[in-house]
PDB file of N, CA and C in Angstrom:
ATOM      1  N   MET A   1      79.013 -11.443  38.468  1.00  0.00           N
ATOM      2  CA  MET A   1      77.887 -11.918  39.190  1.00  0.00           C
ATOM      3  C   MET A   1      77.091 -12.926  38.381  1.00  0.00           C
ATOM      4  N   GLU A   2      76.532 -13.820  39.122  1.00  0.00           N
ATOM      5  CA  GLU A   2      75.719 -14.827  38.473  1.00  0.00           C
ATOM      6  C   GLU A   2      74.297 -14.326  38.336  1.00  0.00           C
ATOM      7  N   ASN A   3      73.754 -14.674  37.285  1.00  0.00           N
ATOM      8  CA  ASN A   3      72.343 -14.370  37.110  1.00  0.00           C
ATOM      9  C   ASN A   3      71.547 -15.487  37.765  1.00  0.00           C
ATOM     10  N   PRO A   4      70.603 -15.124  38.586  1.00  0.00           N
ATOM     11  CA  PRO A   4      69.818 -16.187  39.201  1.00  0.00           C
ATOM     12  C   PRO A   4      68.999 -16.917  38.151  1.00  0.00           C
ATOM     13  N   THR A   5      69.253 -18.158  38.069  1.00  0.00           N
ATOM     14  CA  THR A   5      68.477 -18.982  37.146  1.00  0.00           C
ATOM     15  C   THR A   5      67.494 -19.787  37.966  1.00  0.00           C
ATOM     16  N   PRO A   6      66.467 -20.246  37.358  1.00  0.00           N
ATOM     17  CA  PRO A   6      65.508 -21.037  38.120  1.00  0.00           C
ATOM     18  C   PRO A   6      66.136 -22.292  38.702  1.00  0.00           C
ATOM     19  N   GLU A   7      67.069 -22.921  37.991  1.00  0.00           N
ATOM     20  CA  GLU A   7      67.699 -24.117  38.533  1.00  0.00           C
ATOM     21  C   GLU A   7      68.596 -23.772  39.715  1.00  0.00           C
ATOM     22  N   ASN A   8      69.369 -22.706  39.619  1.00  0.00           N
ATOM     23  CA  ASN A   8      70.250 -22.264  40.688  1.00  0.00           C
ATOM     24  C   ASN A   8      69.417 -21.828  41.903  1.00  0.00           C
ATOM     25  N   HIS A   9      68.339 -21.139  41.639  1.00  0.00           N
ATOM     26  CA  HIS A   9      67.459 -20.679  42.727  1.00  0.00           C
ATOM     27  C   HIS A   9      66.838 -21.874  43.450  1.00  0.00           C
ATOM     28  N   ASN A  10      66.386 -22.876  42.739  1.00  0.00           N
ATOM     29  CA  ASN A  10      65.805 -24.075  43.353  1.00  0.00           C
ATOM     30  C   ASN A  10      66.859 -24.826  44.152  1.00  0.00           C
ATOM     31  N   SER A  11      68.081 -24.871  43.665  1.00  0.00           N
ATOM     32  CA  SER A  11      69.156 -25.556  44.351  1.00  0.00           C
ATOM     33  C   SER A  11      69.472 -24.863  45.675  1.00  0.00           C
ATOM     34  N   ASN A  12      69.542 -23.526  45.645  1.00  0.00           N
ATOM     35  CA  ASN A  12      69.795 -22.768  46.884  1.00  0.00           C
ATOM     36  C   ASN A  12      68.636 -22.914  47.861  1.00  0.00           C
ATOM     37  N   THR A  13      67.430 -22.874  47.378  1.00  0.00           N
ATOM     38  CA  THR A  13      66.266 -23.008  48.244  1.00  0.00           C
ATOM     39  C   THR A  13      66.251 -24.378  48.897  1.00  0.00           C
ATOM     40  N   PHE A  14      66.552 -25.422  48.095  1.00  0.00           N
ATOM     41  CA  PHE A  14      66.570 -26.771  48.637  1.00  0.00           C
ATOM     42  C   PHE A  14      67.683 -26.922  49.681  1.00  0.00           C
ATOM     43  N   ALA A  15      68.847 -26.329  49.454  1.00  0.00           N
ATOM     44  CA  ALA A  15      69.966 -26.401  50.396  1.00  0.00           C
ATOM     45  C   ALA A  15      69.616 -25.651  51.681  1.00  0.00           C
ATOM     46  N   GLU A  16      69.018 -24.480  51.520  1.00  0.00           N
ATOM     47  CA  GLU A  16      68.602 -23.724  52.705  1.00  0.00           C
ATOM     48  C   GLU A  16      67.534 -24.484  53.485  1.00  0.00           C
ATOM     49  N   TYR A  17      66.585 -25.073  52.766  1.00  0.00           N
ATOM     50  CA  TYR A  17      65.527 -25.855  53.412  1.00  0.00           C
ATOM     51  C   TYR A  17      66.125 -27.060  54.135  1.00  0.00           C
ATOM     52  N   GLY A  18      67.085 -27.710  53.526  1.00  0.00           N
ATOM     53  CA  GLY A  18      67.756 -28.848  54.152  1.00  0.00           C
ATOM     54  C   GLY A  18      68.499 -28.430  55.412  1.00  0.00           C
ATOM     55  N   MET A  19      69.166 -27.284  55.359  1.00  0.00           N
ATOM     56  CA  MET A  19      69.882 -26.778  56.538  1.00  0.00           C
ATOM     57  C   MET A  19      68.898 -26.438  57.657  1.00  0.00           C
ATOM     58  N   LEU A  20      67.783 -25.791  57.298  1.00  0.00           N
ATOM     59  CA  LEU A  20      66.766 -25.467  58.296  1.00  0.00           C
ATOM     60  C   LEU A  20      66.190 -26.732  58.918  1.00  0.00           C
ATOM     61  N   MET A  21      65.929 -27.723  58.102  1.00  0.00           N
ATOM     62  CA  MET A  21      65.397 -28.990  58.620  1.00  0.00           C
ATOM     63  C   MET A  21      66.414 -29.672  59.539  1.00  0.00           C
ATOM     64  N   LEU A  22      67.678 -29.663  59.143  1.00  0.00           N
ATOM     65  CA  LEU A  22      68.724 -30.263  59.968  1.00  0.00           C
ATOM     66  C   LEU A  22      68.827 -29.546  61.305  1.00  0.00           C
ATOM     67  N   HIS A  23      68.785 -28.220  61.248  1.00  0.00           N
ATOM     68  CA  HIS A  23      68.845 -27.427  62.490  1.00  0.00           C
ATOM     69  C   HIS A  23      67.635 -27.727  63.383  1.00  0.00           C
ATOM     70  N   GLU A  24      66.453 -27.821  62.786  1.00  0.00           N
ATOM     71  CA  GLU A  24      65.234 -28.108  63.557  1.00  0.00           C
ATOM     72  C   GLU A  24      65.287 -29.511  64.154  1.00  0.00           C
ATOM     73  N   LEU A  25      65.789 -30.476  63.417  1.00  0.00           N
ATOM     74  CA  LEU A  25      65.908 -31.845  63.935  1.00  0.00           C
ATOM     75  C   LEU A  25      66.899 -31.904  65.100  1.00  0.00           C
ATOM     76  N   LYS A  26      67.995 -31.178  64.982  1.00  0.00           N
ATOM     77  CA  LYS A  26      68.963 -31.139  66.085  1.00  0.00           C
ATOM     78  C   LYS A  26      68.331 -30.520  67.325  1.00  0.00           C
ATOM     79  N   ARG A  27      67.558 -29.437  67.122  1.00  0.00           N
ATOM     80  CA  ARG A  27      66.895 -28.776  68.258  1.00  0.00           C
ATOM     81  C   ARG A  27      65.879 -29.722  68.910  1.00  0.00           C
ATOM     82  N   LEU A  28      65.099 -30.405  68.091  1.00  0.00           N
ATOM     83  CA  LEU A  28      64.117 -31.356  68.624  1.00  0.00           C
ATOM     84  C   LEU A  28      64.803 -32.516  69.345  1.00  0.00           C
ATOM     85  N   ASN A  29      65.924 -32.985  68.804  1.00  0.00           N
ATOM     86  CA  ASN A  29      66.663 -34.078  69.432  1.00  0.00           C
ATOM     87  C   ASN A  29      67.199 -33.655  70.799  1.00  0.00           C
ATOM     88  N   SER A  30      67.767 -32.450  70.877  1.00  0.00           N
ATOM     89  CA  SER A  30      68.292 -31.994  72.169  1.00  0.00           C
ATOM     90  C   SER A  30      67.151 -31.788  73.167  1.00  0.00           C
ATOM     91  N   GLY A  31      66.011 -31.289  72.683  1.00  0.00           N
ATOM     92  CA  GLY A  31      64.856 -31.140  73.573  1.00  0.00           C
ATOM     93  C   GLY A  31      64.371 -32.484  74.079  1.00  0.00           C
ATOM     94  N   GLN A  32      64.364 -33.487  73.211  1.00  0.00           N
ATOM     95  CA  GLN A  32      63.942 -34.826  73.600  1.00  0.00           C
ATOM     96  C   GLN A  32      64.921 -35.422  74.616  1.00  0.00           C
ATOM     97  N   GLU A  33      66.205 -35.212  74.409  1.00  0.00           N
ATOM     98  CA  GLU A  33      67.200 -35.725  75.355  1.00  0.00           C
ATOM     99  C   GLU A  33      67.062 -35.045  76.712  1.00  0.00           C
ATOM    100  N   ASP A  34      66.821 -33.725  76.711  1.00  0.00           N
ATOM    101  CA  ASP A  34      66.611 -33.018  77.974  1.00  0.00           C
ATOM    102  C   ASP A  34      65.373 -33.545  78.690  1.00  0.00           C
ATOM    103  N   LEU A  35      64.318 -33.782  77.939  1.00  0.00           N
ATOM    104  CA  LEU A  35      63.093 -34.317  78.515  1.00  0.00           C
ATOM    105  C   LEU A  35      63.325 -35.710  79.096  1.00  0.00           C
ATOM    106  N   LYS A  36      64.100 -36.528  78.372  1.00  0.00           N
ATOM    107  CA  LYS A  36      64.411 -37.879  78.864  1.00  0.00           C
ATOM    108  C   LYS A  36      65.213 -37.807  80.163  1.00  0.00           C
ATOM    109  N   LYS A  37      66.190 -36.925  80.226  1.00  0.00           N
ATOM    110  CA  LYS A  37      66.984 -36.778  81.451  1.00  0.00           C
ATOM    111  C   LYS A  37      66.110 -36.315  82.610  1.00  0.00           C
ATOM    112  N   ASP A  38      65.226 -35.363  82.342  1.00  0.00           N
ATOM    113  CA  ASP A  38      64.332 -34.843  83.381  1.00  0.00           C
ATOM    114  C   ASP A  38      63.400 -35.943  83.886  1.00  0.00           C
ATOM    115  N   LEU A  39      62.835 -36.720  82.954  1.00  0.00           N
ATOM    116  CA  LEU A  39      61.944 -37.820  83.355  1.00  0.00           C
ATOM    117  C   LEU A  39      62.699 -38.894  84.128  1.00  0.00           C
ATOM    118  N   ASP A  40      63.924 -39.208  83.707  1.00  0.00           N
ATOM    119  CA  ASP A  40      64.727 -40.198  84.431  1.00  0.00           C
ATOM    120  C   ASP A  40      65.000 -39.741  85.855  1.00  0.00           C
ATOM    121  N   ALA A  41      65.321 -38.460  86.016  1.00  0.00           N
ATOM    122  CA  ALA A  41      65.575 -37.930  87.362  1.00  0.00           C
ATOM    123  C   ALA A  41      64.315 -38.000  88.209  1.00  0.00           C
ATOM    124  N   LYS A  42      63.177 -37.667  87.615  1.00  0.00           N
ATOM    125  CA  LYS A  42      61.917 -37.716  88.370  1.00  0.00           C
ATOM    126  C   LYS A  42      61.539 -39.146  88.716  1.00  0.00           C
ATOM    127  N   PHE A  43      61.748 -40.087  87.810  1.00  0.00           N
ATOM    128  CA  PHE A  43      61.461 -41.491  88.098  1.00  0.00           C
ATOM    129  C   PHE A  43      62.367 -42.025  89.203  1.00  0.00           C
ATOM    130  N   THR A  44      63.624 -41.622  89.187  1.00  0.00           N
ATOM    131  CA  THR A  44      64.551 -42.043  90.239  1.00  0.00           C
ATOM    132  C   THR A  44      64.097 -41.502  91.591  1.00  0.00           C
ATOM    133  N   SER A  45      63.711 -40.243  91.606  1.00  0.00           N
ATOM    134  CA  SER A  45      63.209 -39.636  92.842  1.00  0.00           C
ATOM    135  C   SER A  45      61.944 -40.343  93.311  1.00  0.00           C
ATOM    136  N   LEU A  46      61.066 -40.651  92.384  1.00  0.00           N
ATOM    137  CA  LEU A  46      59.824 -41.338  92.717  1.00  0.00           C
ATOM    138  C   LEU A  46      60.102 -42.734  93.266  1.00  0.00           C
ATOM    139  N   GLN A  47      61.065 -43.434  92.689  1.00  0.00           N
ATOM    140  CA  GLN A  47      61.420 -44.762  93.176  1.00  0.00           C
ATOM    141  C   GLN A  47      61.976 -44.695  94.595  1.00  0.00           C
ATOM    142  N   LYS A  48      62.775 -43.665  94.887  1.00  0.00           N
ATOM    143  CA  LYS A  48      63.301 -43.495  96.246  1.00  0.00           C
ATOM    144  C   LYS A  48      62.165 -43.256  97.231  1.00  0.00           C
ATOM    145  N   GLN A  49      61.206 -42.419  96.848  1.00  0.00           N
ATOM    146  CA  GLN A  49      60.077 -42.142  97.728  1.00  0.00           C
ATOM    147  C   GLN A  49      59.232 -43.388  97.939  1.00  0.00           C
ATOM    148  N   ILE A  50      59.042 -44.168  96.891  1.00  0.00           N
ATOM    149  CA  ILE A  50      58.270 -45.408  97.032  1.00  0.00           C
ATOM    150  C   ILE A  50      58.985 -46.366  97.971  1.00  0.00           C
ATOM    151  N   THR A  51      60.303 -46.446  97.861  1.00  0.00           N
ATOM    152  CA  THR A  51      61.080 -47.305  98.754  1.00  0.00           C
ATOM    153  C   THR A  51      60.933 -46.852 100.205  1.00  0.00           C
ATOM    154  N   GLU A  52      60.989 -45.522 100.423  1.00  0.00           N
ATOM    155  CA  GLU A  52      60.811 -44.988 101.777  1.00  0.00           C
ATOM    156  C   GLU A  52      59.419 -45.307 102.296  1.00  0.00           C
ATOM    157  N   PHE A  53      58.394 -45.159 101.451  1.00  0.00           N
ATOM    158  CA  PHE A  53      57.031 -45.449 101.874  1.00  0.00           C
ATOM    159  C   PHE A  53      56.857 -46.919 102.212  1.00  0.00           C
ATOM    160  N   LYS A  54      57.514 -47.789 101.449  1.00  0.00           N
ATOM    161  CA  LYS A  54      57.430 -49.220 101.743  1.00  0.00           C
ATOM    162  C   LYS A  54      58.066 -49.522 103.095  1.00  0.00           C
ATOM    163  N   GLY A  55      59.188 -48.848 103.394  1.00  0.00           N
ATOM    164  CA  GLY A  55      59.825 -49.030 104.703  1.00  0.00           C
ATOM    165  C   GLY A  55      58.919 -48.543 105.827  1.00  0.00           C
ATOM    166  N   ILE A  56      58.290 -47.397 105.620  1.00  0.00           N
ATOM    167  CA  ILE A  56      57.373 -46.860 106.630  1.00  0.00           C
ATOM    168  C   ILE A  56      56.174 -47.784 106.782  1.00  0.00           C
ATOM    169  N   GLU A  57      55.672 -48.291 105.665  1.00  0.00           N
ATOM    170  CA  GLU A  57      54.528 -49.201 105.719  1.00  0.00           C
ATOM    171  C   GLU A  57      54.883 -50.463 106.507  1.00  0.00           C
ATOM    172  N   LYS A  58      56.096 -50.967 106.310  1.00  0.00           N
ATOM    173  CA  LYS A  58      56.535 -52.158 107.045  1.00  0.00           C
ATOM    174  C   LYS A  58      56.606 -51.856 108.539  1.00  0.00           C
ATOM    175  N   ASP A  59      57.138 -50.681 108.901  1.00  0.00           N
ATOM    176  CA  ASP A  59      57.203 -50.291 110.310  1.00  0.00           C
ATOM    177  C   ASP A  59      55.809 -50.191 110.913  1.00  0.00           C
ATOM    178  N   VAL A  60      54.882 -49.607 110.171  1.00  0.00           N
ATOM    179  CA  VAL A  60      53.507 -49.473 110.663  1.00  0.00           C
ATOM    180  C   VAL A  60      52.880 -50.846 110.865  1.00  0.00           C
ATOM    181  N   GLU A  61      53.117 -51.752 109.917  1.00  0.00           N
ATOM    182  CA  GLU A  61      52.579 -53.109 110.062  1.00  0.00           C
ATOM    183  C   GLU A  61      53.154 -53.805 111.291  1.00  0.00           C
ATOM    184  N   GLU A  62      54.456 -53.631 111.540  1.00  0.00           N
ATOM    185  CA  GLU A  62      55.083 -54.247 112.721  1.00  0.00           C
ATOM    186  C   GLU A  62      54.489 -53.673 113.997  1.00  0.00           C
ATOM    187  N   LEU A  63      54.295 -52.351 114.033  1.00  0.00           N
ATOM    188  CA  LEU A  63      53.691 -51.731 115.214  1.00  0.00           C
ATOM    189  C   LEU A  63      52.249 -52.190 115.402  1.00  0.00           C
ATOM    190  N   TRP A  64      51.527 -52.356 114.306  1.00  0.00           N
ATOM    191  CA  TRP A  64      50.141 -52.820 114.388  1.00  0.00           C
ATOM    192  C   TRP A  64      50.096 -54.236 114.964  1.00  0.00           C
ATOM    193  N   GLU A  65      50.996 -55.095 114.478  1.00  0.00           N
ATOM    194  CA  GLU A  65      51.054 -56.461 115.008  1.00  0.00           C
ATOM    195  C   GLU A  65      51.422 -56.449 116.492  1.00  0.00           C
ATOM    196  N   TRP A  66      52.392 -55.622 116.868  1.00  0.00           N
ATOM    197  CA  TRP A  66      52.794 -55.540 118.274  1.00  0.00           C
ATOM    198  C   TRP A  66      51.635 -55.069 119.137  1.00  0.00           C
ATOM    199  N   LYS A  67      50.898 -54.063 118.674  1.00  0.00           N
ATOM    200  CA  LYS A  67      49.759 -53.535 119.428  1.00  0.00           C
ATOM    201  C   LYS A  67      48.705 -54.616 119.605  1.00  0.00           C
ATOM    202  N   ASN A  68      48.443 -55.371 118.550  1.00  0.00           N
ATOM    203  CA  ASN A  68      47.457 -56.443 118.652  1.00  0.00           C
ATOM    204  C   ASN A  68      47.902 -57.519 119.642  1.00  0.00           C
ATOM    205  N   LYS A  69      49.195 -57.837 119.625  1.00  0.00           N
ATOM    206  CA  LYS A  69      49.703 -58.830 120.576  1.00  0.00           C
ATOM    207  C   LYS A  69      49.598 -58.322 122.008  1.00  0.00           C
ATOM    208  N   VAL A  70      49.927 -57.045 122.222  1.00  0.00           N
ATOM    209  CA  VAL A  70      49.869 -56.483 123.567  1.00  0.00           C
ATOM    210  C   VAL A  70      48.432 -56.428 124.060  1.00  0.00           C
ATOM    211  N   THR A  71      47.510 -56.005 123.191  1.00  0.00           N
ATOM    212  CA  THR A  71      46.118 -55.928 123.631  1.00  0.00           C
ATOM    213  C   THR A  71      45.518 -57.307 123.840  1.00  0.00           C
ATOM    214  N   ASP A  72      46.052 -58.333 123.151  1.00  0.00           N
ATOM    215  CA  ASP A  72      45.592 -59.693 123.421  1.00  0.00           C
ATOM    216  C   ASP A  72      46.044 -60.144 124.802  1.00  0.00           C
ATOM    217  N   VAL A  73      47.237 -59.760 125.188  1.00  0.00           N
ATOM    218  CA  VAL A  73      47.775 -60.167 126.484  1.00  0.00           C
ATOM    219  C   VAL A  73      47.255 -59.279 127.601  1.00  0.00           C
ATOM    220  N   TRP A  74      47.202 -57.987 127.335  1.00  0.00           N
ATOM    221  CA  TRP A  74      46.888 -57.016 128.378  1.00  0.00           C
ATOM    222  C   TRP A  74      45.980 -55.968 127.777  1.00  0.00           C
ATOM    223  N   SER A  75      44.705 -56.013 128.103  1.00  0.00           N
ATOM    224  CA  SER A  75      43.736 -55.108 127.485  1.00  0.00           C
ATOM    225  C   SER A  75      43.864 -53.701 128.064  1.00  0.00           C
ATOM    226  N   PRO A  76      43.370 -52.701 127.348  1.00  0.00           N
ATOM    227  CA  PRO A  76      43.438 -51.323 127.850  1.00  0.00           C
ATOM    228  C   PRO A  76      42.786 -51.123 129.218  1.00  0.00           C
ATOM    229  N   PRO A  77      41.620 -51.734 129.516  1.00  0.00           N
ATOM    230  CA  PRO A  77      41.089 -51.572 130.885  1.00  0.00           C
ATOM    231  C   PRO A  77      42.022 -52.160 131.950  1.00  0.00           C
ATOM    232  N   GLN A  78      42.668 -53.282 131.618  1.00  0.00           N
ATOM    233  CA  GLN A  78      43.625 -53.863 132.565  1.00  0.00           C
ATOM    234  C   GLN A  78      44.817 -52.931 132.761  1.00  0.00           C
ATOM    235  N   MET A  79      45.272 -52.311 131.669  1.00  0.00           N
ATOM    236  CA  MET A  79      46.378 -51.355 131.778  1.00  0.00           C
ATOM    237  C   MET A  79      45.985 -50.186 132.666  1.00  0.00           C
ATOM    238  N   ASN A  80      44.779 -49.708 132.510  1.00  0.00           N
ATOM    239  CA  ASN A  80      44.312 -48.565 133.290  1.00  0.00           C
ATOM    240  C   ASN A  80      44.210 -48.920 134.770  1.00  0.00           C
ATOM    241  N   SER A  81      43.669 -50.098 135.069  1.00  0.00           N
ATOM    242  CA  SER A  81      43.563 -50.485 136.483  1.00  0.00           C
ATOM    243  C   SER A  81      44.948 -50.736 137.082  1.00  0.00           C
ATOM    244  N   ALA A  82      45.880 -51.294 136.292  1.00  0.00           N
ATOM    245  CA  ALA A  82      47.246 -51.510 136.785  1.00  0.00           C
ATOM    246  C   ALA A  82      47.919 -50.175 137.070  1.00  0.00           C
ATOM    247  N   LYS A  83      47.675 -49.185 136.223  1.00  0.00           N
ATOM    248  CA  LYS A  83      48.247 -47.859 136.452  1.00  0.00           C
ATOM    249  C   LYS A  83      47.711 -47.293 137.766  1.00  0.00           C
ATOM    250  N   GLY A  84      46.417 -47.474 138.005  1.00  0.00           N
ATOM    251  CA  GLY A  84      45.837 -47.001 139.268  1.00  0.00           C
ATOM    252  C   GLY A  84      46.453 -47.710 140.461  1.00  0.00           C
ATOM    253  N   GLU A  85      46.672 -49.016 140.356  1.00  0.00           N
ATOM    254  CA  GLU A  85      47.297 -49.762 141.449  1.00  0.00           C
ATOM    255  C   GLU A  85      48.721 -49.285 141.705  1.00  0.00           C
ATOM    256  N   ILE A  86      49.443 -49.000 140.641  1.00  0.00           N
ATOM    257  CA  ILE A  86      50.819 -48.510 140.794  1.00  0.00           C
ATOM    258  C   ILE A  86      50.817 -47.174 141.527  1.00  0.00           C
ATOM    259  N   TYR A  87      49.892 -46.282 141.136  1.00  0.00           N
ATOM    260  CA  TYR A  87      49.816 -44.989 141.819  1.00  0.00           C
ATOM    261  C   TYR A  87      49.419 -45.164 143.282  1.00  0.00           C
ATOM    262  N   ASN A  88      48.526 -46.112 143.570  1.00  0.00           N
ATOM    263  CA  ASN A  88      48.146 -46.366 144.968  1.00  0.00           C
ATOM    264  C   ASN A  88      49.338 -46.883 145.770  1.00  0.00           C
ATOM    265  N   GLN A  89      50.093 -47.807 145.191  1.00  0.00           N
ATOM    266  CA  GLN A  89      51.273 -48.335 145.883  1.00  0.00           C
ATOM    267  C   GLN A  89      52.311 -47.244 146.091  1.00  0.00           C
ATOM    268  N   LYS A  90      52.469 -46.395 145.101  1.00  0.00           N
ATOM    269  CA  LYS A  90      53.432 -45.300 145.234  1.00  0.00           C
ATOM    270  C   LYS A  90      52.997 -44.355 146.354  1.00  0.00           C
ATOM    271  N   GLY A  91      51.711 -44.066 146.434  1.00  0.00           N
ATOM    272  CA  GLY A  91      51.196 -43.212 147.514  1.00  0.00           C
ATOM    273  C   GLY A  91      51.377 -43.875 148.871  1.00  0.00           C
ATOM    274  N   PHE A  92      51.142 -45.191 148.950  1.00  0.00           N
ATOM    275  CA  PHE A  92      51.322 -45.904 150.202  1.00  0.00           C
ATOM    276  C   PHE A  92      52.784 -45.882 150.635  1.00  0.00           C
ATOM    277  N   GLN A  93      53.690 -46.063 149.689  1.00  0.00           N
ATOM    278  CA  GLN A  93      55.111 -46.025 150.007  1.00  0.00           C
ATOM    279  C   GLN A  93      55.514 -44.651 150.516  1.00  0.00           C
ATOM    280  N   GLN A  94      54.982 -43.607 149.926  1.00  0.00           N
ATOM    281  CA  GLN A  94      55.301 -42.251 150.383  1.00  0.00           C
ATOM    282  C   GLN A  94      54.766 -42.016 151.794  1.00  0.00           C
ATOM    283  N   LYS A  95      53.571 -42.510 152.078  1.00  0.00           N
ATOM    284  CA  LYS A  95      53.005 -42.358 153.422  1.00  0.00           C
ATOM    285  C   LYS A  95      53.840 -43.140 154.435  1.00  0.00           C
ATOM    286  N   ALA A  96      54.234 -44.346 154.060  1.00  0.00           N
ATOM    287  CA  ALA A  96      55.033 -45.173 154.970  1.00  0.00           C
ATOM    288  C   ALA A  96      56.377 -44.503 155.249  1.00  0.00           C
ATOM    289  N   MET A  97      57.012 -43.956 154.236  1.00  0.00           N
ATOM    290  CA  MET A  97      58.291 -43.264 154.440  1.00  0.00           C
ATOM    291  C   MET A  97      58.092 -42.042 155.343  1.00  0.00           C
ATOM    292  N   GLY A  98      56.985 -41.343 155.178  1.00  0.00           N
ATOM    293  CA  GLY A  98      56.696 -40.190 156.041  1.00  0.00           C
ATOM    294  C   GLY A  98      56.561 -40.607 157.491  1.00  0.00           C
ATOM    295  N   VAL A  99      55.842 -41.695 157.755  1.00  0.00           N
ATOM    296  CA  VAL A  99      55.665 -42.190 159.124  1.00  0.00           C
ATOM    297  C   VAL A  99      57.002 -42.620 159.703  1.00  0.00           C
ATOM    298  N   ILE A 100      57.831 -43.302 158.916  1.00  0.00           N
ATOM    299  CA  ILE A 100      59.143 -43.745 159.403  1.00  0.00           C
ATOM    300  C   ILE A 100      60.017 -42.544 159.731  1.00  0.00           C
ATOM    301  N   ILE A 101      60.007 -41.528 158.897  1.00  0.00           N
ATOM    302  CA  ILE A 101      60.820 -40.333 159.166  1.00  0.00           C
ATOM    303  C   ILE A 101      60.351 -39.633 160.428  1.00  0.00           C
ATOM    304  N   VAL A 102      59.038 -39.508 160.601  1.00  0.00           N
ATOM    305  CA  VAL A 102      58.511 -38.868 161.821  1.00  0.00           C
ATOM    306  C   VAL A 102      58.915 -39.684 163.042  1.00  0.00           C
ATOM    307  N   PHE A 103      58.788 -41.000 162.977  1.00  0.00           N
ATOM    308  CA  PHE A 103      59.167 -41.847 164.095  1.00  0.00           C
ATOM    309  C   PHE A 103      60.656 -41.699 164.410  1.00  0.00           C
ATOM    310  N   GLN A 104      61.522 -41.626 163.386  1.00  0.00           N
ATOM    311  CA  GLN A 104      62.958 -41.458 163.623  1.00  0.00           C
ATOM    312  C   GLN A 104      63.268 -40.104 164.245  1.00  0.00           C
ATOM    313  N   VAL A 105      62.561 -39.075 163.829  1.00  0.00           N
ATOM    314  CA  VAL A 105      62.784 -37.745 164.411  1.00  0.00           C
ATOM    315  C   VAL A 105      62.379 -37.748 165.883  1.00  0.00           C
ATOM    316  N   ILE A 106      61.243 -38.344 166.186  1.00  0.00           N
ATOM    317  CA  ILE A 106      60.793 -38.406 167.591  1.00  0.00           C
ATOM    318  C   ILE A 106      61.774 -39.214 168.423  1.00  0.00           C
ATOM    319  N   LEU A 107      62.209 -40.353 167.898  1.00  0.00           N
ATOM    320  CA  LEU A 107      63.163 -41.195 168.616  1.00  0.00           C
ATOM    321  C   LEU A 107      64.487 -40.453 168.829  1.00  0.00           C
ATOM    322  N   THR A 108      64.948 -39.706 167.819  1.00  0.00           N
ATOM    323  CA  THR A 108      66.184 -38.937 167.950  1.00  0.00           C
ATOM    324  C   THR A 108      66.032 -37.851 169.006  1.00  0.00           C
ATOM    325  N   LEU A 109      64.888 -37.187 169.050  1.00  0.00           N
ATOM    326  CA  LEU A 109      64.653 -36.145 170.061  1.00  0.00           C
ATOM    327  C   LEU A 109      64.609 -36.746 171.467  1.00  0.00           C
ATOM    328  N   ILE A 110      63.982 -37.899 171.580  1.00  0.00           N
ATOM    329  CA  ILE A 110      63.925 -38.545 172.904  1.00  0.00           C
ATOM    330  C   ILE A 110      65.325 -38.920 173.368  1.00  0.00           C
ATOM    331  N   ILE A 111      66.141 -39.486 172.456  1.00  0.00           N
ATOM    332  CA  ILE A 111      67.509 -39.857 172.837  1.00  0.00           C
ATOM    333  C   ILE A 111      68.332 -38.617 173.163  1.00  0.00           C
ATOM    334  N   ALA A 112      68.137 -37.555 172.394  1.00  0.00           N
ATOM    335  CA  ALA A 112      68.933 -36.338 172.626  1.00  0.00           C
ATOM    336  C   ALA A 112      68.572 -35.667 173.928  1.00  0.00           C
ATOM    337  N   PHE A 113      67.314 -35.679 174.290  1.00  0.00           N
ATOM    338  CA  PHE A 113      66.869 -34.975 175.520  1.00  0.00           C
ATOM    339  C   PHE A 113      66.475 -35.922 176.635  1.00  0.00           C
ATOM    340  N   LYS A 114      66.944 -37.144 176.647  1.00  0.00           N
ATOM    341  CA  LYS A 114      66.548 -38.103 177.677  1.00  0.00           C
ATOM    342  C   LYS A 114      67.047 -37.674 179.076  1.00  0.00           C
ATOM    343  N   ASP A 115      68.185 -37.024 179.130  1.00  0.00           N
ATOM    344  CA  ASP A 115      68.689 -36.586 180.417  1.00  0.00           C
ATOM    345  C   ASP A 115      67.809 -35.472 180.998  1.00  0.00           C
ATOM    346  N   LYS A 116      67.314 -34.602 180.149  1.00  0.00           N
ATOM    347  CA  LYS A 116      66.487 -33.496 180.634  1.00  0.00           C
ATOM    348  C   LYS A 116      65.061 -33.952 180.954  1.00  0.00           C
ATOM    349  N   LEU A 117      64.558 -34.953 180.249  1.00  0.00           N
ATOM    350  CA  LEU A 117      63.208 -35.423 180.459  1.00  0.00           C
ATOM    351  C   LEU A 117      63.107 -36.345 181.671  1.00  0.00           C
ATOM    352  N   PHE A 118      64.095 -37.138 181.917  1.00  0.00           N
ATOM    353  CA  PHE A 118      64.018 -38.108 183.021  1.00  0.00           C
ATOM    354  C   PHE A 118      64.911 -37.729 184.135  1.00  0.00           C
TER     355      PHE A 118
END
């Protein structure tokens, strides 16, 4: 067995310290690489979301421009009155069809029973 000498003891301590430092540096390096990968993934995700938001923003701007053009041509009160006119015309058409159907039924009954009536 070797007798521990101060020089041998210092040499072993320095070697152990060097190994510990190397191990700690490797651990810190792997942690830094993991952090870099995580940040890269988050930045990529963030860039995708920003791209989606820009697309949505463009769609909103197009719809806003379209709405402004439509309201310049046809204002909301005009739209409302036109809707009322359409409903009135639809009601008139339904009434007219009802009158025509009643007239056809009466005419059919008269033709069917003309021998009995006259």
